[in-house]
Amino acid sequence: MIKAIFYSRDNKVFGFKIKGHAEYARCGRDVICAGVSALVINTVNSIESFTEDSVVTEECEDGLVRFKIVGDISPQSKLLLKSLRLGLCSIYEEYGDKYIQIYFREVSHV
């Protein structure tokens, strides 16, 4: 199962952690994993390429991605993070919580 956690401070999303594998189908045919991977990679690459925001990214081979924006968050990054949330929620609505779970955490410090 994929677990996605969005982190926010003052109701503003500044980062996320995605971990796991959907196990919807065998490796190479898992449309859920492929969709989540495409959304996450595109979000990270877009924020890094199209904004001046300072970011910290950690990617591991076991399906873990941690990402956070350090400092002020540009309007572009806010939109890209909302787009990621929309995409992941769409996958959740289509396939259910057997394959993906999404959480939202308000934190006071990073």
PDB file of N, CA and C in Angstrom:
ATOM      1  N   MET A   1       0.835  -1.179   0.000  1.00  0.00           N
ATOM      2  CA  MET A   1       0.000   0.000   0.000  1.00  0.00           C
ATOM      3  C   MET A   1       0.883   1.245   0.000  1.00  0.00           C
ATOM      4  N   ILE A   2       0.417   2.272  -0.686  1.00  0.00           N
ATOM      5  CA  ILE A   2       1.108   3.559  -0.717  1.00  0.00           C
ATOM      6  C   ILE A   2       0.496   4.437   0.362  1.00  0.00           C
ATOM      7  N   LYS A   3       1.350   5.070   1.154  1.00  0.00           N
ATOM      8  CA  LYS A   3       0.897   6.030   2.152  1.00  0.00           C
ATOM      9  C   LYS A   3       1.483   7.387   1.785  1.00  0.00           C
ATOM     10  N   ALA A   4       0.598   8.350   1.648  1.00  0.00           N
ATOM     11  CA  ALA A   4       1.001   9.719   1.337  1.00  0.00           C
ATOM     12  C   ALA A   4       0.617  10.608   2.506  1.00  0.00           C
ATOM     13  N   ILE A   5       1.558  11.401   2.971  1.00  0.00           N
ATOM     14  CA  ILE A   5       1.300  12.348   4.053  1.00  0.00           C
ATOM     15  C   ILE A   5       1.677  13.733   3.549  1.00  0.00           C
ATOM     16  N   PHE A   6       0.726  14.655   3.611  1.00  0.00           N
ATOM     17  CA  PHE A   6       0.991  16.054   3.284  1.00  0.00           C
ATOM     18  C   PHE A   6       1.193  16.805   4.592  1.00  0.00           C
ATOM     19  N   TYR A   7       2.266  17.591   4.659  1.00  0.00           N
ATOM     20  CA  TYR A   7       2.575  18.368   5.848  1.00  0.00           C
ATOM     21  C   TYR A   7       2.244  19.839   5.603  1.00  0.00           C
ATOM     22  N   SER A   8       1.571  20.438   6.590  1.00  0.00           N
ATOM     23  CA  SER A   8       1.243  21.858   6.462  1.00  0.00           C
ATOM     24  C   SER A   8       1.556  22.582   7.760  1.00  0.00           C
ATOM     25  N   ARG A   9       1.728  23.881   7.614  1.00  0.00           N
ATOM     26  CA  ARG A   9       1.950  24.771   8.740  1.00  0.00           C
ATOM     27  C   ARG A   9       1.075  25.992   8.477  1.00  0.00           C
ATOM     28  N   ASP A  10       0.272  26.376   9.438  1.00  0.00           N
ATOM     29  CA  ASP A  10      -0.670  27.489   9.259  1.00  0.00           C
ATOM     30  C   ASP A  10      -1.576  27.243   8.053  1.00  0.00           C
ATOM     31  N   ASN A  11      -2.020  26.002   7.900  1.00  0.00           N
ATOM     32  CA  ASN A  11      -2.908  25.582   6.805  1.00  0.00           C
ATOM     33  C   ASN A  11      -2.296  25.767   5.422  1.00  0.00           C
ATOM     34  N   LYS A  12      -0.967  25.786   5.321  1.00  0.00           N
ATOM     35  CA  LYS A  12      -0.288  25.889   4.035  1.00  0.00           C
ATOM     36  C   LYS A  12       0.607  24.662   3.861  1.00  0.00           C
ATOM     37  N   VAL A  13       0.340  23.878   2.839  1.00  0.00           N
ATOM     38  CA  VAL A  13       1.141  22.676   2.584  1.00  0.00           C
ATOM     39  C   VAL A  13       2.547  23.091   2.171  1.00  0.00           C
ATOM     40  N   PHE A  14       3.549  22.494   2.826  1.00  0.00           N
ATOM     41  CA  PHE A  14       4.939  22.802   2.508  1.00  0.00           C
ATOM     42  C   PHE A  14       5.740  21.557   2.127  1.00  0.00           C
ATOM     43  N   GLY A  15       5.130  20.375   2.253  1.00  0.00           N
ATOM     44  CA  GLY A  15       5.878  19.178   1.928  1.00  0.00           C
ATOM     45  C   GLY A  15       5.031  17.924   2.011  1.00  0.00           C
ATOM     46  N   PHE A  16       5.685  16.813   1.702  1.00  0.00           N
ATOM     47  CA  PHE A  16       4.982  15.543   1.736  1.00  0.00           C
ATOM     48  C   PHE A  16       5.975  14.398   1.899  1.00  0.00           C
ATOM     49  N   LYS A  17       5.429  13.249   2.283  1.00  0.00           N
ATOM     50  CA  LYS A  17       6.177  11.990   2.319  1.00  0.00           C
ATOM     51  C   LYS A  17       5.300  10.957   1.642  1.00  0.00           C
ATOM     52  N   ILE A  18       5.862  10.245   0.696  1.00  0.00           N
ATOM     53  CA  ILE A  18       5.164   9.162  -0.002  1.00  0.00           C
ATOM     54  C   ILE A  18       5.994   7.900   0.217  1.00  0.00           C
ATOM     55  N   LYS A  19       5.334   6.829   0.624  1.00  0.00           N
ATOM     56  CA  LYS A  19       6.069   5.592   0.897  1.00  0.00           C
ATOM     57  C   LYS A  19       5.238   4.389   0.502  1.00  0.00           C
ATOM     58  N   GLY A  20       5.917   3.389  -0.023  1.00  0.00           N
ATOM     59  CA  GLY A  20       5.289   2.106  -0.262  1.00  0.00           C
ATOM     60  C   GLY A  20       5.019   1.806  -1.719  1.00  0.00           C
ATOM     61  N   HIS A  21       4.381   0.671  -1.917  1.00  0.00           N
ATOM     62  CA  HIS A  21       4.006   0.191  -3.242  1.00  0.00           C
ATOM     63  C   HIS A  21       2.543  -0.247  -3.183  1.00  0.00           C
ATOM     64  N   ALA A  22       1.811   0.038  -4.221  1.00  0.00           N
ATOM     65  CA  ALA A  22       0.377  -0.269  -4.238  1.00  0.00           C
ATOM     66  C   ALA A  22       0.109  -1.774  -4.260  1.00  0.00           C
ATOM     67  N   GLU A  23       0.948  -2.513  -4.968  1.00  0.00           N
ATOM     68  CA  GLU A  23       0.757  -3.947  -5.153  1.00  0.00           C
ATOM     69  C   GLU A  23      -0.588  -4.250  -5.804  1.00  0.00           C
ATOM     70  N   TYR A  24      -0.990  -3.374  -6.704  1.00  0.00           N
ATOM     71  CA  TYR A  24      -2.214  -3.558  -7.482  1.00  0.00           C
ATOM     72  C   TYR A  24      -2.004  -4.615  -8.562  1.00  0.00           C
ATOM     73  N   ALA A  25      -0.796  -4.643  -9.109  1.00  0.00           N
ATOM     74  CA  ALA A  25      -0.431  -5.612 -10.147  1.00  0.00           C
ATOM     75  C   ALA A  25       1.064  -5.882 -10.019  1.00  0.00           C
ATOM     76  N   ARG A  26       1.551  -6.814 -10.819  1.00  0.00           N
ATOM     77  CA  ARG A  26       2.976  -7.138 -10.730  1.00  0.00           C
ATOM     78  C   ARG A  26       3.820  -5.955 -11.198  1.00  0.00           C
ATOM     79  N   CYS A  27       5.071  -5.988 -10.788  1.00  0.00           N
ATOM     80  CA  CYS A  27       6.011  -4.919 -11.117  1.00  0.00           C
ATOM     81  C   CYS A  27       6.042  -4.680 -12.624  1.00  0.00           C
ATOM     82  N   GLY A  28       5.970  -3.431 -13.011  1.00  0.00           N
ATOM     83  CA  GLY A  28       5.963  -3.076 -14.420  1.00  0.00           C
ATOM     84  C   GLY A  28       4.575  -2.952 -15.011  1.00  0.00           C
ATOM     85  N   ARG A  29       3.559  -3.428 -14.289  1.00  0.00           N
ATOM     86  CA  ARG A  29       2.178  -3.362 -14.760  1.00  0.00           C
ATOM     87  C   ARG A  29       1.243  -2.679 -13.750  1.00  0.00           C
ATOM     88  N   ASP A  30       1.832  -2.147 -12.691  1.00  0.00           N
ATOM     89  CA  ASP A  30       1.042  -1.551 -11.623  1.00  0.00           C
ATOM     90  C   ASP A  30       0.709  -0.099 -11.967  1.00  0.00           C
ATOM     91  N   VAL A  31      -0.516   0.119 -12.460  1.00  0.00           N
ATOM     92  CA  VAL A  31      -0.912   1.456 -12.911  1.00  0.00           C
ATOM     93  C   VAL A  31      -1.009   2.447 -11.753  1.00  0.00           C
ATOM     94  N   ILE A  32      -1.303   1.971 -10.559  1.00  0.00           N
ATOM     95  CA  ILE A  32      -1.381   2.875  -9.410  1.00  0.00           C
ATOM     96  C   ILE A  32       0.010   3.385  -9.063  1.00  0.00           C
ATOM     97  N   CYS A  33       0.977   2.483  -8.945  1.00  0.00           N
ATOM     98  CA  CYS A  33       2.354   2.906  -8.654  1.00  0.00           C
ATOM     99  C   CYS A  33       2.882   3.833  -9.750  1.00  0.00           C
ATOM    100  N   ALA A  34       2.587   3.495 -10.984  1.00  0.00           N
ATOM    101  CA  ALA A  34       3.052   4.327 -12.092  1.00  0.00           C
ATOM    102  C   ALA A  34       2.435   5.719 -12.032  1.00  0.00           C
ATOM    103  N   GLY A  35       1.148   5.787 -11.748  1.00  0.00           N
ATOM    104  CA  GLY A  35       0.473   7.079 -11.658  1.00  0.00           C
ATOM    105  C   GLY A  35       0.998   7.927 -10.516  1.00  0.00           C
ATOM    106  N   VAL A  36       1.141   7.322  -9.346  1.00  0.00           N
ATOM    107  CA  VAL A  36       1.655   8.042  -8.183  1.00  0.00           C
ATOM    108  C   VAL A  36       3.086   8.507  -8.448  1.00  0.00           C
ATOM    109  N   SER A  37       3.908   7.637  -9.001  1.00  0.00           N
ATOM    110  CA  SER A  37       5.294   8.005  -9.299  1.00  0.00           C
ATOM    111  C   SER A  37       5.365   9.181 -10.268  1.00  0.00           C
ATOM    112  N   ALA A  38       4.573   9.133 -11.313  1.00  0.00           N
ATOM    113  CA  ALA A  38       4.574  10.218 -12.294  1.00  0.00           C
ATOM    114  C   ALA A  38       4.153  11.536 -11.658  1.00  0.00           C
ATOM    115  N   LEU A  39       3.102  11.507 -10.840  1.00  0.00           N
ATOM    116  CA  LEU A  39       2.644  12.728 -10.182  1.00  0.00           C
ATOM    117  C   LEU A  39       3.706  13.292  -9.242  1.00  0.00           C
ATOM    118  N   VAL A  40       4.303  12.436  -8.437  1.00  0.00           N
ATOM    119  CA  VAL A  40       5.293  12.885  -7.457  1.00  0.00           C
ATOM    120  C   VAL A  40       6.543  13.418  -8.153  1.00  0.00           C
ATOM    121  N   ILE A  41       7.073  12.675  -9.106  1.00  0.00           N
ATOM    122  CA  ILE A  41       8.291  13.105  -9.802  1.00  0.00           C
ATOM    123  C   ILE A  41       8.051  14.413 -10.545  1.00  0.00           C
ATOM    124  N   ASN A  42       6.904  14.532 -11.187  1.00  0.00           N
ATOM    125  CA  ASN A  42       6.600  15.755 -11.917  1.00  0.00           C
ATOM    126  C   ASN A  42       6.460  16.946 -10.969  1.00  0.00           C
ATOM    127  N   THR A  43       5.843  16.738  -9.820  1.00  0.00           N
ATOM    128  CA  THR A  43       5.700  17.827  -8.845  1.00  0.00           C
ATOM    129  C   THR A  43       7.057  18.297  -8.354  1.00  0.00           C
ATOM    130  N   VAL A  44       7.902  17.364  -7.944  1.00  0.00           N
ATOM    131  CA  VAL A  44       9.233  17.716  -7.449  1.00  0.00           C
ATOM    132  C   VAL A  44      10.031  18.424  -8.539  1.00  0.00           C
ATOM    133  N   ASN A  45      10.073  17.844  -9.739  1.00  0.00           N
ATOM    134  CA  ASN A  45      10.836  18.452 -10.830  1.00  0.00           C
ATOM    135  C   ASN A  45      10.302  19.825 -11.206  1.00  0.00           C
ATOM    136  N   SER A  46       8.987  19.991 -11.207  1.00  0.00           N
ATOM    137  CA  SER A  46       8.388  21.273 -11.573  1.00  0.00           C
ATOM    138  C   SER A  46       8.715  22.351 -10.548  1.00  0.00           C
ATOM    139  N   ILE A  47       8.620  22.027  -9.266  1.00  0.00           N
ATOM    140  CA  ILE A  47       8.954  23.015  -8.232  1.00  0.00           C
ATOM    141  C   ILE A  47      10.425  23.385  -8.321  1.00  0.00           C
ATOM    142  N   GLU A  48      11.290  22.394  -8.530  1.00  0.00           N
ATOM    143  CA  GLU A  48      12.724  22.676  -8.638  1.00  0.00           C
ATOM    144  C   GLU A  48      13.056  23.482  -9.894  1.00  0.00           C
ATOM    145  N   SER A  49      12.348  23.247 -10.987  1.00  0.00           N
ATOM    146  CA  SER A  49      12.664  23.901 -12.264  1.00  0.00           C
ATOM    147  C   SER A  49      11.992  25.257 -12.449  1.00  0.00           C
ATOM    148  N   PHE A  50      10.782  25.412 -11.955  1.00  0.00           N
ATOM    149  CA  PHE A  50       9.992  26.593 -12.283  1.00  0.00           C
ATOM    150  C   PHE A  50       9.833  27.592 -11.142  1.00  0.00           C
ATOM    151  N   THR A  51      10.422  27.300  -9.984  1.00  0.00           N
ATOM    152  CA  THR A  51      10.324  28.248  -8.870  1.00  0.00           C
ATOM    153  C   THR A  51      11.725  28.506  -8.317  1.00  0.00           C
ATOM    154  N   GLU A  52      11.798  29.519  -7.487  1.00  0.00           N
ATOM    155  CA  GLU A  52      13.046  29.838  -6.788  1.00  0.00           C
ATOM    156  C   GLU A  52      13.029  29.291  -5.357  1.00  0.00           C
ATOM    157  N   ASP A  53      12.004  28.508  -5.022  1.00  0.00           N
ATOM    158  CA  ASP A  53      11.860  27.997  -3.660  1.00  0.00           C
ATOM    159  C   ASP A  53      13.024  27.069  -3.301  1.00  0.00           C
ATOM    160  N   SER A  54      13.444  27.136  -2.049  1.00  0.00           N
ATOM    161  CA  SER A  54      14.474  26.228  -1.544  1.00  0.00           C
ATOM    162  C   SER A  54      13.807  24.939  -1.110  1.00  0.00           C
ATOM    163  N   VAL A  55      14.308  23.819  -1.609  1.00  0.00           N
ATOM    164  CA  VAL A  55      13.688  22.531  -1.313  1.00  0.00           C
ATOM    165  C   VAL A  55      14.698  21.529  -0.791  1.00  0.00           C
ATOM    166  N   VAL A  56      14.195  20.565  -0.064  1.00  0.00           N
ATOM    167  CA  VAL A  56      14.966  19.410   0.381  1.00  0.00           C
ATOM    168  C   VAL A  56      14.214  18.184  -0.108  1.00  0.00           C
ATOM    169  N   THR A  57      14.908  17.333  -0.861  1.00  0.00           N
ATOM    170  CA  THR A  57      14.289  16.133  -1.414  1.00  0.00           C
ATOM    171  C   THR A  57      15.126  14.919  -1.024  1.00  0.00           C
ATOM    172  N   GLU A  58      14.436  13.861  -0.622  1.00  0.00           N
ATOM    173  CA  GLU A  58      15.086  12.583  -0.325  1.00  0.00           C
ATOM    174  C   GLU A  58      14.312  11.500  -1.056  1.00  0.00           C
ATOM    175  N   GLU A  59      15.022  10.758  -1.891  1.00  0.00           N
ATOM    176  CA  GLU A  59      14.409   9.647  -2.618  1.00  0.00           C
ATOM    177  C   GLU A  59      15.201   8.382  -2.308  1.00  0.00           C
ATOM    178  N   CYS A  60      14.496   7.318  -1.944  1.00  0.00           N
ATOM    179  CA  CYS A  60      15.130   6.039  -1.636  1.00  0.00           C
ATOM    180  C   CYS A  60      14.588   4.971  -2.573  1.00  0.00           C
ATOM    181  N   GLU A  61      15.347   3.931  -2.757  1.00  0.00           N
ATOM    182  CA  GLU A  61      14.956   2.857  -3.667  1.00  0.00           C
ATOM    183  C   GLU A  61      13.748   2.058  -3.181  1.00  0.00           C
ATOM    184  N   ASP A  62      13.419   2.156  -1.910  1.00  0.00           N
ATOM    185  CA  ASP A  62      12.312   1.354  -1.367  1.00  0.00           C
ATOM    186  C   ASP A  62      10.957   2.040  -1.518  1.00  0.00           C
ATOM    187  N   GLY A  63      10.865   3.029  -2.402  1.00  0.00           N
ATOM    188  CA  GLY A  63       9.583   3.684  -2.644  1.00  0.00           C
ATOM    189  C   GLY A  63       9.303   4.851  -1.723  1.00  0.00           C
ATOM    190  N   LEU A  64      10.317   5.391  -1.069  1.00  0.00           N
ATOM    191  CA  LEU A  64      10.144   6.516  -0.160  1.00  0.00           C
ATOM    192  C   LEU A  64      10.608   7.802  -0.824  1.00  0.00           C
ATOM    193  N   VAL A  65       9.760   8.815  -0.775  1.00  0.00           N
ATOM    194  CA  VAL A  65      10.134  10.150  -1.224  1.00  0.00           C
ATOM    195  C   VAL A  65       9.707  11.134  -0.145  1.00  0.00           C
ATOM    196  N   ARG A  66      10.666  11.932   0.318  1.00  0.00           N
ATOM    197  CA  ARG A  66      10.367  13.025   1.250  1.00  0.00           C
ATOM    198  C   ARG A  66      10.701  14.318   0.527  1.00  0.00           C
ATOM    199  N   PHE A  67       9.827  15.301   0.686  1.00  0.00           N
ATOM    200  CA  PHE A  67      10.022  16.571   0.001  1.00  0.00           C
ATOM    201  C   PHE A  67       9.485  17.677   0.885  1.00  0.00           C
ATOM    202  N   LYS A  68      10.264  18.760   1.011  1.00  0.00           N
ATOM    203  CA  LYS A  68       9.746  19.917   1.747  1.00  0.00           C
ATOM    204  C   LYS A  68      10.344  21.189   1.172  1.00  0.00           C
ATOM    205  N   ILE A  69       9.551  22.232   1.275  1.00  0.00           N
ATOM    206  CA  ILE A  69       9.992  23.558   0.890  1.00  0.00           C
ATOM    207  C   ILE A  69      10.442  24.256   2.164  1.00  0.00           C
ATOM    208  N   VAL A  70      11.642  24.795   2.115  1.00  0.00           N
ATOM    209  CA  VAL A  70      12.222  25.475   3.266  1.00  0.00           C
ATOM    210  C   VAL A  70      12.075  26.973   3.035  1.00  0.00           C
ATOM    211  N   GLY A  71      11.460  27.652   3.971  1.00  0.00           N
ATOM    212  CA  GLY A  71      11.274  29.092   3.829  1.00  0.00           C
ATOM    213  C   GLY A  71       9.934  29.407   3.197  1.00  0.00           C
ATOM    214  N   ASP A  72       9.881  30.557   2.549  1.00  0.00           N
ATOM    215  CA  ASP A  72       8.634  31.002   1.927  1.00  0.00           C
ATOM    216  C   ASP A  72       8.239  30.089   0.774  1.00  0.00           C
ATOM    217  N   ILE A  73       6.937  29.953   0.589  1.00  0.00           N
ATOM    218  CA  ILE A  73       6.393  29.101  -0.474  1.00  0.00           C
ATOM    219  C   ILE A  73       5.778  30.001  -1.538  1.00  0.00           C
ATOM    220  N   SER A  74       6.257  29.846  -2.755  1.00  0.00           N
ATOM    221  CA  SER A  74       5.760  30.667  -3.862  1.00  0.00           C
ATOM    222  C   SER A  74       4.348  30.241  -4.253  1.00  0.00           C
ATOM    223  N   PRO A  75       3.601  31.134  -4.902  1.00  0.00           N
ATOM    224  CA  PRO A  75       2.277  30.762  -5.410  1.00  0.00           C
ATOM    225  C   PRO A  75       2.341  29.575  -6.382  1.00  0.00           C
ATOM    226  N   GLN A  76       3.415  29.483  -7.164  1.00  0.00           N
ATOM    227  CA  GLN A  76       3.559  28.376  -8.109  1.00  0.00           C
ATOM    228  C   GLN A  76       3.679  27.038  -7.367  1.00  0.00           C
ATOM    229  N   SER A  77       4.470  27.018  -6.311  1.00  0.00           N
ATOM    230  CA  SER A  77       4.618  25.782  -5.529  1.00  0.00           C
ATOM    231  C   SER A  77       3.318  25.405  -4.844  1.00  0.00           C
ATOM    232  N   LYS A  78       2.596  26.399  -4.338  1.00  0.00           N
ATOM    233  CA  LYS A  78       1.295  26.109  -3.724  1.00  0.00           C
ATOM    234  C   LYS A  78       0.377  25.424  -4.730  1.00  0.00           C
ATOM    235  N   LEU A  79       0.358  25.950  -5.942  1.00  0.00           N
ATOM    236  CA  LEU A  79      -0.492  25.365  -6.984  1.00  0.00           C
ATOM    237  C   LEU A  79      -0.028  23.952  -7.349  1.00  0.00           C
ATOM    238  N   LEU A  80       1.264  23.763  -7.494  1.00  0.00           N
ATOM    239  CA  LEU A  80       1.781  22.437  -7.849  1.00  0.00           C
ATOM    240  C   LEU A  80       1.488  21.413  -6.751  1.00  0.00           C
ATOM    241  N   LEU A  81       1.594  21.800  -5.493  1.00  0.00           N
ATOM    242  CA  LEU A  81       1.272  20.887  -4.395  1.00  0.00           C
ATOM    243  C   LEU A  81      -0.228  20.580  -4.348  1.00  0.00           C
ATOM    244  N   LYS A  82      -1.064  21.574  -4.652  1.00  0.00           N
ATOM    245  CA  LYS A  82      -2.510  21.315  -4.748  1.00  0.00           C
ATOM    246  C   LYS A  82      -2.806  20.351  -5.884  1.00  0.00           C
ATOM    247  N   SER A  83      -2.086  20.491  -6.989  1.00  0.00           N
ATOM    248  CA  SER A  83      -2.261  19.600  -8.133  1.00  0.00           C
ATOM    249  C   SER A  83      -1.867  18.167  -7.777  1.00  0.00           C
ATOM    250  N   LEU A  84      -0.771  18.002  -7.048  1.00  0.00           N
ATOM    251  CA  LEU A  84      -0.367  16.674  -6.590  1.00  0.00           C
ATOM    252  C   LEU A  84      -1.452  16.077  -5.704  1.00  0.00           C
ATOM    253  N   ARG A  85      -1.959  16.860  -4.767  1.00  0.00           N
ATOM    254  CA  ARG A  85      -3.024  16.379  -3.881  1.00  0.00           C
ATOM    255  C   ARG A  85      -4.255  15.958  -4.682  1.00  0.00           C
ATOM    256  N   LEU A  86      -4.631  16.762  -5.661  1.00  0.00           N
ATOM    257  CA  LEU A  86      -5.776  16.438  -6.514  1.00  0.00           C
ATOM    258  C   LEU A  86      -5.552  15.120  -7.249  1.00  0.00           C
ATOM    259  N   GLY A  87      -4.372  14.947  -7.832  1.00  0.00           N
ATOM    260  CA  GLY A  87      -4.071  13.721  -8.561  1.00  0.00           C
ATOM    261  C   GLY A  87      -4.100  12.487  -7.671  1.00  0.00           C
ATOM    262  N   LEU A  88      -3.478  12.596  -6.489  1.00  0.00           N
ATOM    263  CA  LEU A  88      -3.470  11.451  -5.569  1.00  0.00           C
ATOM    264  C   LEU A  88      -4.870  11.147  -5.053  1.00  0.00           C
ATOM    265  N   CYS A  89      -5.645  12.181  -4.761  1.00  0.00           N
ATOM    266  CA  CYS A  89      -7.020  11.960  -4.304  1.00  0.00           C
ATOM    267  C   CYS A  89      -7.875  11.334  -5.401  1.00  0.00           C
ATOM    268  N   SER A  90      -7.610  11.671  -6.646  1.00  0.00           N
ATOM    269  CA  SER A  90      -8.329  11.052  -7.768  1.00  0.00           C
ATOM    270  C   SER A  90      -8.012   9.567  -7.864  1.00  0.00           C
ATOM    271  N   ILE A  91      -6.746   9.215  -7.666  1.00  0.00           N
ATOM    272  CA  ILE A  91      -6.361   7.800  -7.669  1.00  0.00           C
ATOM    273  C   ILE A  91      -7.046   7.087  -6.502  1.00  0.00           C
ATOM    274  N   TYR A  92      -7.056   7.714  -5.339  1.00  0.00           N
ATOM    275  CA  TYR A  92      -7.725   7.132  -4.174  1.00  0.00           C
ATOM    276  C   TYR A  92      -9.210   6.895  -4.462  1.00  0.00           C
ATOM    277  N   GLU A  93      -9.871   7.875  -5.036  1.00  0.00           N
ATOM    278  CA  GLU A  93     -11.300   7.743  -5.328  1.00  0.00           C
ATOM    279  C   GLU A  93     -11.573   6.624  -6.334  1.00  0.00           C
ATOM    280  N   GLU A  94     -10.669   6.439  -7.265  1.00  0.00           N
ATOM    281  CA  GLU A  94     -10.849   5.408  -8.296  1.00  0.00           C
ATOM    282  C   GLU A  94     -10.559   3.998  -7.766  1.00  0.00           C
ATOM    283  N   TYR A  95      -9.508   3.857  -6.938  1.00  0.00           N
ATOM    284  CA  TYR A  95      -9.048   2.523  -6.554  1.00  0.00           C
ATOM    285  C   TYR A  95      -9.254   2.180  -5.082  1.00  0.00           C
ATOM    286  N   GLY A  96      -9.443   3.167  -4.218  1.00  0.00           N
ATOM    287  CA  GLY A  96      -9.745   2.902  -2.818  1.00  0.00           C
ATOM    288  C   GLY A  96      -8.548   2.780  -1.905  1.00  0.00           C
ATOM    289  N   ASP A  97      -8.851   2.660  -0.606  1.00  0.00           N
ATOM    290  CA  ASP A  97      -7.798   2.684   0.401  1.00  0.00           C
ATOM    291  C   ASP A  97      -7.060   1.365   0.569  1.00  0.00           C
ATOM    292  N   LYS A  98      -7.392   0.379  -0.225  1.00  0.00           N
ATOM    293  CA  LYS A  98      -6.616  -0.864  -0.218  1.00  0.00           C
ATOM    294  C   LYS A  98      -5.242  -0.640  -0.848  1.00  0.00           C
ATOM    295  N   TYR A  99      -5.142   0.360  -1.732  1.00  0.00           N
ATOM    296  CA  TYR A  99      -3.915   0.595  -2.482  1.00  0.00           C
ATOM    297  C   TYR A  99      -3.215   1.903  -2.142  1.00  0.00           C
ATOM    298  N   ILE A 100      -3.979   2.903  -1.702  1.00  0.00           N
ATOM    299  CA  ILE A 100      -3.390   4.202  -1.364  1.00  0.00           C
ATOM    300  C   ILE A 100      -4.170   4.840  -0.222  1.00  0.00           C
ATOM    301  N   GLN A 101      -3.434   5.411   0.726  1.00  0.00           N
ATOM    302  CA  GLN A 101      -4.038   6.166   1.810  1.00  0.00           C
ATOM    303  C   GLN A 101      -3.366   7.530   1.862  1.00  0.00           C
ATOM    304  N   ILE A 102      -4.176   8.554   2.125  1.00  0.00           N
ATOM    305  CA  ILE A 102      -3.680   9.925   2.109  1.00  0.00           C
ATOM    306  C   ILE A 102      -4.012  10.570   3.448  1.00  0.00           C
ATOM    307  N   TYR A 103      -2.997  11.195   4.048  1.00  0.00           N
ATOM    308  CA  TYR A 103      -3.143  11.840   5.342  1.00  0.00           C
ATOM    309  C   TYR A 103      -2.695  13.296   5.233  1.00  0.00           C
ATOM    310  N   PHE A 104      -3.225  14.118   6.123  1.00  0.00           N
ATOM    311  CA  PHE A 104      -2.859  15.524   6.180  1.00  0.00           C
ATOM    312  C   PHE A 104      -2.465  15.836   7.619  1.00  0.00           C
ATOM    313  N   ARG A 105      -1.254  16.362   7.802  1.00  0.00           N
ATOM    314  CA  ARG A 105      -0.736  16.632   9.145  1.00  0.00           C
ATOM    315  C   ARG A 105      -0.364  18.104   9.268  1.00  0.00           C
ATOM    316  N   GLU A 106      -0.926  18.744  10.249  1.00  0.00           N
ATOM    317  CA  GLU A 106      -0.555  20.119  10.589  1.00  0.00           C
ATOM    318  C   GLU A 106       0.583  20.013  11.613  1.00  0.00           C
ATOM    319  N   VAL A 107       1.708  20.654  11.324  1.00  0.00           N
ATOM    320  CA  VAL A 107       2.859  20.605  12.217  1.00  0.00           C
ATOM    321  C   VAL A 107       3.239  22.014  12.637  1.00  0.00           C
ATOM    322  N   SER A 108       3.803  22.122  13.816  1.00  0.00           N
ATOM    323  CA  SER A 108       4.186  23.444  14.320  1.00  0.00           C
ATOM    324  C   SER A 108       5.614  23.801  13.962  1.00  0.00           C
ATOM    325  N   HIS A 109       6.439  22.792  13.687  1.00  0.00           N
ATOM    326  CA  HIS A 109       7.829  23.046  13.313  1.00  0.00           C
ATOM    327  C   HIS A 109       8.284  21.978  12.323  1.00  0.00           C
ATOM    328  N   VAL A 110       9.374  22.252  11.648  1.00  0.00           N
ATOM    329  CA  VAL A 110       9.900  21.319  10.642  1.00  0.00           C
ATOM    330  C   VAL A 110      11.218  20.761  11.113  1.00  0.00           C
TER     331      VAL A 110
END
